[in-house]
Amino acid sequence: MTQSSLYPGVSLIGVPTDIGAGARGASMGPQALRVAGLAEALLQRGVDVEDIGDLSGPRTPWLAPVEGFRHLAETAEWNRSTHDAVYGELKRGRLPIMMGGDHSLGIGSVSAAARHCRDTGKELLVLWLDAHADFNTHLLTPTGNIHGMPVACLCGHGPEVLTSIGGHVPAIRHDQIHQVGIRSVDDGEREFIHEAGIEVYDMRYIDEMGMRATMERVLAGVDDSVHLHVSFDVDFLDPSLAPGVGTTVPGGPTYREAQLCMEMIADTGRLCSLDIVELNPALDLRNQTADMAVDLVESLFGKSILVRRPAG
C-alpha cells in the first residue's frame, strides 16, 4: 500500500479573499496554487483530486477598525461559507484542502473539522504552522485585522458571530491545538497565550530541541481515533524560502526543517483536512512561494527521499 492510498479523495476549495488581512493580495492565493500545479502534484502521488472551484463572498471594503475589528461582518460571511464547504466535503468522506485567502478563514475550516469530529466521535488535533500565534482579541490587537485572531476565536474568545460558527462554543479546547514555528507574538497576546495554556513550540524551542524532537512531541498519541487538521500559513517558512506573504518574519524553519515537519505528519497517516493560507502572489517572486507550498504539500501526502513504511 502506498502512503497516498491511505488518503480519501481530496477536494480543493478556493477561498479568494484577503478580508482579514492588512494587505491586498491573498485573494489571489488559490489561483497561484493552481498555477503551481497543486492538483497535478497530488494526482502524481496517486491521490484522487477534485477542484470544486472558488467560493464567493463580499468584497474587501478596506475600512478602518470598528470597536477593535476590521471587516467583522464580511469576515463572518466568508467563514460561514468556508465552514459549509469544508464540512460538506468531510461529510462526503473526502479530505478538504482549503486554499486561502488569509488565515482568518481558519475559523471556518477548523470549526468545520471540529463539527465533523463531534459527528463521528473522533478527537480533533489542530497543528497550526505559522510565524504568528493568532491569539489576539479586539482588546489586544494592534491592528484590528482578524487574521491575527482565529485561534482565539476558535477557543471561544471573540464575538459570537465568529465563535459560534460550527454550532458549538468554543469550537475547540485549548489543548486541541499545537502551534509550531511561532516567532512573532504581540505583547498582550503573549500573556493571554500563557494564561490559556496553548501549546506553543516557538522557534527557540525548535532551535534548542530540533524539528524531529519537536514533531515527536507534537504528534505523540496520534492514532486512528484522531482527526488531524493542519493549518499551514506559508509565513511559517523563512522569508528566504517564501517571500510571497503579507507578514514576513525572519528566522523561520529551513527547507529541510519544513520538509521533515511535513514528512513526520505524513508518517502518521492521519491527515484529514488541510488549510493553505496567506499566500500573496502580489508580493512573490515568479510564484516561488506557491511552488514551495506545493512541494511541502506533496511531502504531507507521502513524498520522501526513500520509500518509507507508513504508520498503522
Protein backbone atom coordinates (compact mmCIF):
# COMPACT_ATOMS: atom_id res chain seq x y z
CA MET A 1 0.00 0.00 0.00
CA THR A 2 1.38 3.43 -0.89
CA GLN A 3 1.24 6.35 1.52
CA SER A 4 -1.11 8.21 -0.82
CA SER A 5 -3.58 5.32 -0.97
CA LEU A 6 -4.20 5.84 2.74
CA TYR A 7 -5.96 9.12 1.94
CA PRO A 8 -9.52 9.55 0.70
CA GLY A 9 -10.27 11.69 -2.31
CA VAL A 10 -9.08 15.26 -1.95
CA SER A 11 -11.28 18.29 -2.62
CA LEU A 12 -9.64 21.63 -3.41
CA ILE A 13 -11.69 24.59 -2.14
CA GLY A 14 -10.60 28.06 -3.21
CA VAL A 15 -11.46 30.93 -0.86
CA PRO A 16 -10.24 34.05 -2.70
CA THR A 17 -10.36 36.79 -0.09
CA ASP A 18 -8.00 38.94 1.95
CA ILE A 19 -10.87 40.08 4.17
CA GLY A 20 -8.99 39.53 7.43
CA ALA A 21 -5.58 40.76 6.31
CA GLY A 22 -3.87 44.11 6.37
CA ALA A 23 -2.57 44.00 2.81
CA ARG A 24 -4.10 43.21 -0.55
CA GLY A 25 -3.17 40.10 -2.49
CA ALA A 26 -4.03 36.95 -0.52
CA SER A 27 -7.25 36.79 -2.53
CA MET A 28 -5.09 35.60 -5.45
CA GLY A 29 -3.64 32.73 -3.44
CA PRO A 30 -5.94 29.96 -4.71
CA GLN A 31 -5.15 30.68 -8.33
CA ALA A 32 -1.41 30.84 -7.61
CA LEU A 33 -1.59 27.36 -6.07
CA ARG A 34 -3.40 26.11 -9.16
CA VAL A 35 -0.78 27.67 -11.42
CA ALA A 36 1.92 25.99 -9.31
CA GLY A 37 0.29 22.64 -10.08
CA LEU A 38 -1.19 21.59 -6.73
CA ALA A 39 -3.81 19.32 -8.27
CA GLU A 40 -1.33 17.78 -10.72
CA ALA A 41 1.21 17.14 -7.95
CA LEU A 42 -1.36 15.28 -5.86
CA LEU A 43 -2.56 13.29 -8.85
CA GLN A 44 1.04 12.16 -9.40
CA ARG A 45 1.04 10.96 -5.79
CA GLY A 46 -1.90 8.68 -6.66
CA VAL A 47 -4.48 10.87 -4.92
CA ASP A 48 -7.96 11.35 -6.37
CA VAL A 49 -8.35 15.14 -6.71
CA GLU A 50 -11.45 17.21 -7.36
CA ASP A 51 -11.23 21.00 -7.63
CA ILE A 52 -14.65 22.30 -6.61
CA GLY A 53 -13.75 25.86 -7.59
CA ASP A 54 -13.82 29.09 -5.63
CA LEU A 55 -16.30 30.22 -3.01
CA SER A 56 -17.80 33.68 -3.38
CA GLY A 57 -18.39 36.37 -0.81
CA PRO A 58 -18.27 40.09 -0.09
CA ARG A 59 -15.54 42.30 -1.45
CA THR A 60 -12.99 43.68 1.00
CA PRO A 61 -14.02 47.29 1.73
CA TRP A 62 -10.63 48.26 3.29
CA LEU A 63 -12.17 50.26 6.11
CA ALA A 64 -10.73 51.26 9.47
CA PRO A 65 -11.43 49.03 12.50
CA VAL A 66 -14.70 49.39 14.34
CA GLU A 67 -14.57 48.52 18.05
CA GLY A 68 -11.38 46.56 17.50
CA PHE A 69 -12.39 44.62 14.36
CA ARG A 70 -11.81 45.30 10.68
CA HIS A 71 -14.49 43.90 8.37
CA LEU A 72 -16.22 41.81 11.05
CA ALA A 73 -19.48 41.18 9.19
CA GLU A 74 -17.70 40.38 5.92
CA THR A 75 -15.19 38.08 7.66
CA ALA A 76 -18.04 36.20 9.33
CA GLU A 77 -19.78 35.71 5.97
CA TRP A 78 -16.64 34.30 4.33
CA ASN A 79 -16.06 31.99 7.28
CA ARG A 80 -19.61 30.66 7.24
CA SER A 81 -19.16 29.80 3.57
CA THR A 82 -15.79 28.20 4.30
CA HIS A 83 -17.27 26.17 7.14
CA ASP A 84 -20.13 24.92 4.98
CA ALA A 85 -17.83 23.92 2.10
CA VAL A 86 -15.25 22.15 4.30
CA TYR A 87 -17.90 20.41 6.38
CA GLY A 88 -19.71 19.30 3.23
CA GLU A 89 -16.58 17.67 1.81
CA LEU A 90 -15.83 15.94 5.13
CA LYS A 91 -19.38 14.54 5.15
CA ARG A 92 -18.71 13.20 1.65
CA GLY A 93 -15.76 11.29 3.07
CA ARG A 94 -13.20 13.47 1.31
CA LEU A 95 -10.16 15.36 2.55
CA PRO A 96 -10.73 19.10 2.04
CA ILE A 97 -7.83 21.39 1.21
CA MET A 98 -8.91 24.96 1.85
CA MET A 99 -6.84 27.23 -0.38
CA GLY A 100 -6.91 30.74 1.09
CA GLY A 101 -7.08 33.59 1.36
CA ASP A 102 -5.88 34.90 4.69
CA HIS A 103 -5.69 32.98 7.96
CA SER A 104 -8.93 34.38 9.40
CA LEU A 105 -10.52 31.64 7.25
CA GLY A 106 -9.13 29.11 9.70
CA ILE A 107 -12.13 29.92 11.87
CA GLY A 108 -14.42 28.40 9.26
CA SER A 109 -12.26 25.44 8.30
CA VAL A 110 -11.28 24.34 11.81
CA SER A 111 -14.81 24.78 13.13
CA ALA A 112 -15.97 22.51 10.29
CA ALA A 113 -13.40 19.87 11.27
CA ALA A 114 -14.49 20.19 14.91
CA ARG A 115 -18.15 19.75 13.94
CA HIS A 116 -17.29 16.68 11.88
CA CYS A 117 -15.41 15.24 14.85
CA ARG A 118 -18.44 15.76 17.08
CA ASP A 119 -20.50 13.89 14.47
CA THR A 120 -18.09 10.98 14.17
CA GLY A 121 -16.64 10.67 17.67
CA LYS A 122 -13.11 11.49 16.52
CA GLU A 123 -10.70 13.55 18.61
CA LEU A 124 -9.57 16.68 16.80
CA LEU A 125 -5.93 17.78 16.84
CA VAL A 126 -5.05 21.03 15.07
CA LEU A 127 -1.47 21.75 14.03
CA TRP A 128 -1.11 25.49 13.48
CA LEU A 129 2.03 26.02 11.39
CA ASP A 130 2.62 29.76 11.48
CA ALA A 131 5.03 32.56 12.31
CA HIS A 132 2.26 34.18 14.37
CA ALA A 133 0.24 32.94 17.32
CA ASP A 134 -3.04 34.46 16.01
CA PHE A 135 -4.38 34.67 19.59
CA ASN A 136 -5.34 38.33 19.66
CA THR A 137 -8.71 39.73 20.67
CA HIS A 138 -10.31 43.08 19.89
CA LEU A 139 -8.89 44.35 23.19
CA LEU A 140 -5.33 43.19 22.42
CA THR A 141 -4.94 43.64 18.66
CA PRO A 142 -2.72 46.49 17.46
CA THR A 143 -4.38 46.47 14.01
CA GLY A 144 -7.93 45.09 14.20
CA ASN A 145 -7.06 42.60 11.44
CA ILE A 146 -8.95 39.39 12.14
CA HIS A 147 -6.26 37.17 10.60
CA GLY A 148 -4.49 37.78 13.90
CA MET A 149 -7.44 36.39 15.91
CA PRO A 150 -8.56 32.98 14.55
CA VAL A 151 -7.05 30.79 17.28
CA ALA A 152 -8.61 32.97 19.98
CA CYS A 153 -11.99 32.84 18.22
CA LEU A 154 -11.83 29.05 17.83
CA CYS A 155 -11.13 28.79 21.57
CA GLY A 156 -14.20 30.91 22.32
CA HIS A 157 -12.54 34.30 22.83
CA GLY A 158 -14.24 36.65 20.40
CA PRO A 159 -17.56 37.89 19.03
CA GLU A 160 -20.38 35.37 18.82
CA VAL A 161 -20.68 35.86 15.07
CA LEU A 162 -17.26 34.19 14.78
CA THR A 163 -17.08 31.91 17.83
CA SER A 164 -20.42 30.23 17.09
CA ILE A 165 -19.60 29.16 13.52
CA GLY A 166 -20.00 25.39 13.52
CA GLY A 167 -22.68 25.42 16.20
CA HIS A 168 -20.53 24.92 19.31
CA VAL A 169 -18.77 27.46 21.55
CA PRO A 170 -15.88 27.02 21.88
CA ALA A 171 -15.24 25.19 18.63
CA ILE A 172 -12.11 23.61 20.12
CA ARG A 173 -10.50 23.23 23.53
CA HIS A 174 -7.20 24.95 24.24
CA ASP A 175 -5.46 21.57 24.44
CA GLN A 176 -6.60 20.58 20.94
CA ILE A 177 -4.28 22.98 19.16
CA HIS A 178 -0.48 22.84 18.91
CA GLN A 179 1.36 25.77 17.34
CA VAL A 180 4.69 25.23 15.59
CA GLY A 181 7.20 27.77 14.24
CA ILE A 182 5.90 30.79 16.18
CA ARG A 183 8.25 33.78 16.31
CA SER A 184 6.01 36.87 16.33
CA VAL A 185 3.70 37.47 19.30
CA ASP A 186 2.22 40.79 20.40
CA ASP A 187 2.77 41.93 24.00
CA GLY A 188 -0.75 41.46 25.35
CA GLU A 189 -1.19 38.33 23.26
CA ARG A 190 1.87 36.78 24.93
CA GLU A 191 0.26 36.94 28.38
CA PHE A 192 -3.09 35.71 27.07
CA ILE A 193 -1.45 32.64 25.49
CA HIS A 194 0.27 31.88 28.78
CA GLU A 195 -2.98 32.19 30.74
CA ALA A 196 -4.86 29.98 28.26
CA GLY A 197 -2.20 27.26 28.28
CA ILE A 198 -1.89 26.97 24.49
CA GLU A 199 0.85 24.52 23.42
CA VAL A 200 3.34 26.68 21.52
CA TYR A 201 6.54 25.30 20.01
CA ASP A 202 8.26 28.52 19.05
CA MET A 203 11.45 28.87 17.04
CA ARG A 204 13.57 28.93 20.18
CA TYR A 205 12.16 25.53 21.13
CA ILE A 206 12.87 24.22 17.62
CA ASP A 207 16.38 25.71 17.69
CA GLU A 208 17.13 24.04 21.02
CA MET A 209 15.38 20.69 20.55
CA GLY A 210 15.39 20.25 16.76
CA MET A 211 12.45 19.71 14.44
CA ARG A 212 12.44 15.92 14.93
CA ALA A 213 12.04 16.11 18.72
CA THR A 214 9.51 18.92 18.34
CA MET A 215 7.29 16.95 15.97
CA GLU A 216 7.63 13.76 18.01
CA ARG A 217 6.19 15.66 20.95
CA VAL A 218 3.51 17.38 18.86
CA LEU A 219 2.35 14.10 17.31
CA ALA A 220 2.62 11.91 20.41
CA GLY A 221 -0.51 9.81 20.80
CA VAL A 222 -1.86 10.42 17.30
CA ASP A 223 -3.67 7.23 16.24
CA ASP A 224 -6.73 6.20 14.26
CA SER A 225 -9.01 7.92 16.78
CA VAL A 226 -7.57 11.31 15.80
CA HIS A 227 -8.66 13.70 13.06
CA LEU A 228 -5.50 15.67 12.24
CA HIS A 229 -6.12 19.12 10.80
CA VAL A 230 -3.10 21.05 9.54
CA SER A 231 -3.48 24.80 9.17
CA PHE A 232 -0.46 25.82 7.11
CA ASP A 233 0.25 29.54 6.93
CA VAL A 234 3.03 29.89 4.39
CA ASP A 235 4.69 32.57 6.54
CA PHE A 236 5.61 29.59 8.76
CA LEU A 237 8.58 29.33 6.40
CA ASP A 238 11.60 31.58 6.49
CA PRO A 239 11.08 34.54 4.11
CA SER A 240 14.13 33.49 2.10
CA LEU A 241 12.06 30.47 1.04
CA ALA A 242 8.64 32.09 0.95
CA PRO A 243 8.73 35.83 0.22
CA GLY A 244 5.15 35.93 -1.07
CA VAL A 245 3.35 36.65 2.20
CA GLY A 246 1.99 39.83 3.72
CA THR A 247 3.63 39.49 7.13
CA THR A 248 7.16 38.08 6.74
CA VAL A 249 9.09 37.28 9.92
CA PRO A 250 12.80 36.32 9.68
CA GLY A 251 14.14 33.25 11.40
CA GLY A 252 11.67 30.60 10.29
CA PRO A 253 12.25 26.92 9.56
CA THR A 254 14.76 25.97 6.87
CA TYR A 255 13.71 23.98 3.83
CA ARG A 256 14.78 20.67 5.39
CA GLU A 257 13.15 21.50 8.73
CA ALA A 258 9.89 22.27 6.96
CA GLN A 259 10.16 19.09 4.87
CA LEU A 260 10.81 17.00 7.98
CA CYS A 261 7.81 18.56 9.70
CA MET A 262 5.56 17.62 6.79
CA GLU A 263 7.08 14.16 6.37
CA MET A 264 6.53 13.32 10.03
CA ILE A 265 2.89 14.42 9.76
CA ALA A 266 2.56 12.19 6.68
CA ASP A 267 4.11 9.28 8.58
CA THR A 268 1.12 9.26 10.95
CA GLY A 269 -1.27 8.60 8.06
CA ARG A 270 -3.89 10.64 9.96
CA LEU A 271 -4.10 13.87 7.96
CA CYS A 272 -7.82 14.53 7.45
CA SER A 273 -8.07 18.21 6.48
CA LEU A 274 -5.71 20.99 5.45
CA ASP A 275 -5.53 24.76 5.08
CA ILE A 276 -3.01 26.60 2.89
CA VAL A 277 -3.29 30.30 3.66
CA GLU A 278 -1.65 33.74 3.45
CA LEU A 279 -0.04 33.15 0.05
CA ASN A 280 0.18 36.60 -1.54
CA PRO A 281 1.24 36.44 -5.21
CA ALA A 282 1.44 40.24 -5.40
CA LEU A 283 4.47 40.06 -3.10
CA ASP A 284 6.00 36.89 -4.56
CA LEU A 285 8.89 36.28 -6.96
CA ARG A 286 7.86 34.24 -10.02
CA ASN A 287 5.38 32.20 -7.94
CA GLN A 288 8.26 30.91 -5.79
CA THR A 289 6.16 30.74 -2.62
CA ALA A 290 3.33 28.85 -4.29
CA ASP A 291 5.83 26.39 -5.75
CA MET A 292 7.33 25.89 -2.28
CA ALA A 293 3.88 25.36 -0.77
CA VAL A 294 3.04 22.71 -3.35
CA ASP A 295 6.35 20.97 -2.72
CA LEU A 296 5.62 20.81 1.01
CA VAL A 297 2.06 19.59 0.45
CA GLU A 298 3.49 16.76 -1.63
CA SER A 299 5.51 15.80 1.45
CA LEU A 300 2.33 15.89 3.53
CA PHE A 301 0.96 13.30 1.11
CA GLY A 302 3.92 10.99 1.34
CA LYS A 303 6.68 12.26 -0.92
CA SER A 304 10.01 11.32 0.63
CA ILE A 305 13.59 10.69 -0.38
CA LEU A 306 13.24 6.92 0.11
CA VAL A 307 10.28 4.56 0.32
CA ARG A 308 9.12 4.55 3.92
CA ARG A 309 6.63 2.34 5.69
CA PRO A 310 3.56 4.39 6.79
CA ALA A 311 2.33 4.29 10.36
CA GLY A 312 -0.55 1.97 11.25
